[in-house]
Amino acid sequence: MKKLVPILLLLISLNLTAQHKNRDRVKALKVAFITEKLDLSEKEAQAFWPIYNAFESKRANIKYNELRGIKKEIDEKIETMTNAEASKLITRINNAENEMHELKMEFSKKILEILPPKKVILLKTAEDDFKRKMFEEFKKLKRERN
C-alpha cells in the first residue's frame, strides 16, 4: 500500500502535466491560426495579444468558475430546489451573462483602437473556424481510438 500511493501520485501528476501541455499546444495553434487569418503586422500583434489574452482569461474565469458552478448546482439540486433557490440561480446566471456581455463590449472597444473593424470581424470568424477545426480533430481522434 505504501508503494501504491506514490505511484498513483506520480500517474496523476503526469496526467495533469500532459493536460497542461495539450492546453499550451492548443493555445499556440490558436495564436498561429488567428495571427495568420488576421494577417497581423508585428506592431498589431504586439498590441493585440496582451489584450486578447487578458480577455480570454477573464472569459474563461466567468465560463468555468461562475457558470460551471451554477450548472453543477443545478444538476445536483434541481429535484429538491425550491422556487426561491431557483430564482436566486436565475439571478446568478443573468449576472454572469451580463458580466460576459460587458467583457465582450470592453474587449471590442479596446481592440478597435488597435485593429481596423474588418480585422475585428475576421477575428470572430477565425475564432469560430478554429473551434470548428479543433472539434473536428477531436472527433477524428475519438473515432481512431474506437
C-alpha atoms as a PDB file:
ATOM      1  CA  MET A   1       0.000   0.000   0.000  1.00  0.00           C
ATOM      2  CA  LYS A   2       2.855   2.372   0.831  1.00  0.00           C
ATOM      3  CA  LYS A   3       4.252   1.873  -2.673  1.00  0.00           C
ATOM      4  CA  LEU A   4       0.880   2.344  -4.334  1.00  0.00           C
ATOM      5  CA  VAL A   5       0.286   5.909  -3.093  1.00  0.00           C
ATOM      6  CA  PRO A   6       3.480   7.398  -4.600  1.00  0.00           C
ATOM      7  CA  ILE A   7       2.805   5.582  -7.871  1.00  0.00           C
ATOM      8  CA  LEU A   8      -0.747   6.950  -8.000  1.00  0.00           C
ATOM      9  CA  LEU A   9       0.503  10.456  -7.220  1.00  0.00           C
ATOM     10  CA  LEU A  10       3.081  10.160  -9.996  1.00  0.00           C
ATOM     11  CA  LEU A  11       0.465   8.995 -12.504  1.00  0.00           C
ATOM     12  CA  ILE A  12      -1.896  11.814 -11.543  1.00  0.00           C
ATOM     13  CA  SER A  13       0.854  14.425 -11.839  1.00  0.00           C
ATOM     14  CA  LEU A  14       1.919  13.035 -15.236  1.00  0.00           C
ATOM     15  CA  ASN A  15      -1.679  13.211 -16.423  1.00  0.00           C
ATOM     16  CA  LEU A  16      -2.001  16.821 -15.226  1.00  0.00           C
ATOM     17  CA  THR A  17       1.289  17.706 -16.915  1.00  0.00           C
ATOM     18  CA  ALA A  18       0.042  16.173 -20.165  1.00  0.00           C
ATOM     19  CA  GLN A  19      -3.195  18.162 -19.898  1.00  0.00           C
ATOM     20  CA  HIS A  20      -1.229  21.405 -19.424  1.00  0.00           C
ATOM     21  CA  LYS A  21       0.997  20.549 -22.390  1.00  0.00           C
ATOM     22  CA  ASN A  22      -2.084  19.885 -24.520  1.00  0.00           C
ATOM     23  CA  ARG A  23      -3.635  23.198 -23.455  1.00  0.00           C
ATOM     24  CA  ASP A  24      -0.389  25.001 -24.229  1.00  0.00           C
ATOM     25  CA  ARG A  25      -0.201  23.273 -27.613  1.00  0.00           C
ATOM     26  CA  VAL A  26      -3.799  24.221 -28.461  1.00  0.00           C
ATOM     27  CA  LYS A  27      -3.163  27.796 -27.346  1.00  0.00           C
ATOM     28  CA  ALA A  28      -0.062  28.008 -29.562  1.00  0.00           C
ATOM     29  CA  LEU A  29      -2.038  26.640 -32.516  1.00  0.00           C
ATOM     30  CA  LYS A  30      -4.789  29.186 -31.866  1.00  0.00           C
ATOM     31  CA  VAL A  31      -2.295  32.062 -31.732  1.00  0.00           C
ATOM     32  CA  ALA A  32      -0.735  30.978 -35.031  1.00  0.00           C
ATOM     33  CA  PHE A  33      -4.144  30.422 -36.643  1.00  0.00           C
ATOM     34  CA  ILE A  34      -5.543  33.812 -35.607  1.00  0.00           C
ATOM     35  CA  THR A  35      -2.330  35.675 -36.446  1.00  0.00           C
ATOM     36  CA  GLU A  36      -2.373  34.165 -39.929  1.00  0.00           C
ATOM     37  CA  LYS A  37      -6.100  34.695 -40.552  1.00  0.00           C
ATOM     38  CA  LEU A  38      -5.969  38.315 -39.391  1.00  0.00           C
ATOM     39  CA  ASP A  39      -2.661  38.917 -41.194  1.00  0.00           C
ATOM     40  CA  LEU A  40      -1.438  40.823 -38.143  1.00  0.00           C
ATOM     41  CA  SER A  41       1.583  43.030 -38.575  1.00  0.00           C
ATOM     42  CA  GLU A  42       4.265  42.811 -35.904  1.00  0.00           C
ATOM     43  CA  LYS A  43       3.047  46.082 -34.385  1.00  0.00           C
ATOM     44  CA  GLU A  44      -0.586  44.917 -34.399  1.00  0.00           C
ATOM     45  CA  ALA A  45       0.350  41.559 -32.874  1.00  0.00           C
ATOM     46  CA  GLN A  46       2.343  43.197 -30.071  1.00  0.00           C
ATOM     47  CA  ALA A  47      -0.640  45.358 -29.135  1.00  0.00           C
ATOM     48  CA  PHE A  48      -3.325  42.737 -29.814  1.00  0.00           C
ATOM     49  CA  TRP A  49      -2.133  39.626 -27.954  1.00  0.00           C
ATOM     50  CA  PRO A  50      -1.851  41.068 -24.429  1.00  0.00           C
ATOM     51  CA  ILE A  51      -5.406  42.428 -24.690  1.00  0.00           C
ATOM     52  CA  TYR A  52      -6.731  39.222 -26.240  1.00  0.00           C
ATOM     53  CA  ASN A  53      -5.036  37.020 -23.636  1.00  0.00           C
ATOM     54  CA  ALA A  54      -6.433  39.118 -20.771  1.00  0.00           C
ATOM     55  CA  PHE A  55      -9.893  38.901 -22.348  1.00  0.00           C
ATOM     56  CA  GLU A  56      -9.624  35.129 -22.787  1.00  0.00           C
ATOM     57  CA  SER A  57      -8.520  34.722 -19.184  1.00  0.00           C
ATOM     58  CA  LYS A  58     -11.459  36.752 -17.856  1.00  0.00           C
ATOM     59  CA  ARG A  59     -13.881  34.980 -20.184  1.00  0.00           C
ATOM     60  CA  ALA A  60     -12.624  31.573 -19.055  1.00  0.00           C
ATOM     61  CA  ASN A  61     -12.980  32.643 -15.438  1.00  0.00           C
ATOM     62  CA  ILE A  62     -16.628  33.562 -15.947  1.00  0.00           C
ATOM     63  CA  LYS A  63     -17.352  30.479 -18.019  1.00  0.00           C
ATOM     64  CA  TYR A  64     -15.550  27.866 -15.974  1.00  0.00           C
ATOM     65  CA  ASN A  65     -15.799  29.254 -12.457  1.00  0.00           C
ATOM     66  CA  GLU A  66     -19.139  31.005 -12.362  1.00  0.00           C
ATOM     67  CA  LEU A  67     -21.303  29.322 -14.997  1.00  0.00           C
ATOM     68  CA  ARG A  68     -19.894  25.837 -14.443  1.00  0.00           C
ATOM     69  CA  GLY A  69     -20.502  26.218 -10.696  1.00  0.00           C
ATOM     70  CA  ILE A  70     -24.087  27.232 -11.350  1.00  0.00           C
ATOM     71  CA  LYS A  71     -24.583  24.287 -13.731  1.00  0.00           C
ATOM     72  CA  LYS A  72     -23.178  21.893 -11.144  1.00  0.00           C
ATOM     73  CA  GLU A  73     -25.509  23.304  -8.503  1.00  0.00           C
ATOM     74  CA  ILE A  74     -28.483  22.900 -10.841  1.00  0.00           C
ATOM     75  CA  ASP A  75     -27.512  19.310 -11.684  1.00  0.00           C
ATOM     76  CA  GLU A  76     -27.120  18.403  -8.021  1.00  0.00           C
ATOM     77  CA  LYS A  77     -30.169  20.176  -6.600  1.00  0.00           C
ATOM     78  CA  ILE A  78     -32.788  20.539  -9.344  1.00  0.00           C
ATOM     79  CA  GLU A  79     -35.020  17.809  -7.922  1.00  0.00           C
ATOM     80  CA  THR A  80     -35.169  19.342  -4.440  1.00  0.00           C
ATOM     81  CA  MET A  81     -34.748  23.007  -5.363  1.00  0.00           C
ATOM     82  CA  THR A  82     -37.340  25.479  -4.145  1.00  0.00           C
ATOM     83  CA  ASN A  83     -38.648  28.266  -6.353  1.00  0.00           C
ATOM     84  CA  ALA A  84     -36.770  30.781  -4.208  1.00  0.00           C
ATOM     85  CA  GLU A  85     -33.494  28.906  -4.769  1.00  0.00           C
ATOM     86  CA  ALA A  86     -34.242  28.653  -8.489  1.00  0.00           C
ATOM     87  CA  SER A  87     -34.875  32.411  -8.624  1.00  0.00           C
ATOM     88  CA  LYS A  88     -31.508  33.063  -6.977  1.00  0.00           C
ATOM     89  CA  LEU A  89     -29.814  30.810  -9.533  1.00  0.00           C
ATOM     90  CA  ILE A  90     -31.542  32.634 -12.385  1.00  0.00           C
ATOM     91  CA  THR A  91     -30.232  35.906 -10.967  1.00  0.00           C
ATOM     92  CA  ARG A  92     -26.710  34.452 -10.757  1.00  0.00           C
ATOM     93  CA  ILE A  93     -26.949  33.187 -14.348  1.00  0.00           C
ATOM     94  CA  ASN A  94     -28.157  36.578 -15.571  1.00  0.00           C
ATOM     95  CA  ASN A  95     -25.389  38.354 -13.653  1.00  0.00           C
ATOM     96  CA  ALA A  96     -22.728  36.067 -15.145  1.00  0.00           C
ATOM     97  CA  GLU A  97     -24.134  36.525 -18.653  1.00  0.00           C
ATOM     98  CA  ASN A  98     -24.259  40.308 -18.162  1.00  0.00           C
ATOM     99  CA  GLU A  99     -20.660  40.222 -16.951  1.00  0.00           C
ATOM    100  CA  MET A 100     -19.709  38.241 -20.067  1.00  0.00           C
ATOM    101  CA  HIS A 101     -21.520  40.736 -22.310  1.00  0.00           C
ATOM    102  CA  GLU A 102     -19.810  43.716 -20.640  1.00  0.00           C
ATOM    103  CA  LEU A 103     -16.460  41.967 -21.013  1.00  0.00           C
ATOM    104  CA  LYS A 104     -17.081  41.432 -24.745  1.00  0.00           C
ATOM    105  CA  MET A 105     -18.110  45.071 -25.202  1.00  0.00           C
ATOM    106  CA  GLU A 106     -14.988  46.279 -23.379  1.00  0.00           C
ATOM    107  CA  PHE A 107     -12.821  43.942 -25.463  1.00  0.00           C
ATOM    108  CA  SER A 108     -14.363  45.171 -28.733  1.00  0.00           C
ATOM    109  CA  LYS A 109     -13.767  48.769 -27.723  1.00  0.00           C
ATOM    110  CA  LYS A 110     -10.099  48.113 -26.871  1.00  0.00           C
ATOM    111  CA  ILE A 111      -9.449  46.028 -29.981  1.00  0.00           C
ATOM    112  CA  LEU A 112     -10.989  48.645 -32.271  1.00  0.00           C
ATOM    113  CA  GLU A 113      -8.319  51.053 -31.008  1.00  0.00           C
ATOM    114  CA  ILE A 114      -5.667  48.678 -32.388  1.00  0.00           C
ATOM    115  CA  LEU A 115      -7.204  46.901 -35.370  1.00  0.00           C
ATOM    116  CA  PRO A 116      -9.413  48.078 -38.220  1.00  0.00           C
ATOM    117  CA  PRO A 117     -13.072  46.961 -37.985  1.00  0.00           C
ATOM    118  CA  LYS A 118     -12.628  44.429 -40.796  1.00  0.00           C
ATOM    119  CA  LYS A 119      -9.938  42.592 -38.815  1.00  0.00           C
ATOM    120  CA  VAL A 120     -12.171  42.605 -35.733  1.00  0.00           C
ATOM    121  CA  ILE A 121     -14.865  40.853 -37.794  1.00  0.00           C
ATOM    122  CA  LEU A 122     -12.219  38.449 -39.135  1.00  0.00           C
ATOM    123  CA  LEU A 123     -11.234  37.690 -35.536  1.00  0.00           C
ATOM    124  CA  LYS A 124     -14.701  36.356 -34.753  1.00  0.00           C
ATOM    125  CA  THR A 125     -14.667  34.274 -37.934  1.00  0.00           C
ATOM    126  CA  ALA A 126     -11.167  32.965 -37.164  1.00  0.00           C
ATOM    127  CA  GLU A 127     -12.169  32.004 -33.610  1.00  0.00           C
ATOM    128  CA  ASP A 128     -15.219  30.137 -34.909  1.00  0.00           C
ATOM    129  CA  ASP A 129     -13.152  28.409 -37.621  1.00  0.00           C
ATOM    130  CA  PHE A 130     -10.528  27.380 -35.071  1.00  0.00           C
ATOM    131  CA  LYS A 131     -13.134  25.939 -32.694  1.00  0.00           C
ATOM    132  CA  ARG A 132     -14.726  24.021 -35.554  1.00  0.00           C
ATOM    133  CA  LYS A 133     -11.369  22.617 -36.711  1.00  0.00           C
ATOM    134  CA  MET A 134     -10.440  21.599 -33.168  1.00  0.00           C
ATOM    135  CA  PHE A 135     -13.803  19.903 -32.691  1.00  0.00           C
ATOM    136  CA  GLU A 136     -13.379  18.027 -35.984  1.00  0.00           C
ATOM    137  CA  GLU A 137      -9.885  16.907 -34.933  1.00  0.00           C
ATOM    138  CA  PHE A 138     -11.224  15.756 -31.572  1.00  0.00           C
ATOM    139  CA  LYS A 139     -13.966  13.733 -33.266  1.00  0.00           C
ATOM    140  CA  LYS A 140     -11.419  12.242 -35.674  1.00  0.00           C
ATOM    141  CA  LEU A 141      -9.099  11.211 -32.822  1.00  0.00           C
ATOM    142  CA  LYS A 142     -12.003   9.738 -30.905  1.00  0.00           C
ATOM    143  CA  ARG A 143     -13.053   7.655 -33.947  1.00  0.00           C
ATOM    144  CA  GLU A 144      -9.482   6.427 -34.431  1.00  0.00           C
ATOM    145  CA  ARG A 145      -9.269   5.283 -30.806  1.00  0.00           C
ATOM    146  CA  ASN A 146     -12.502   3.286 -31.025  1.00  0.00           C
END
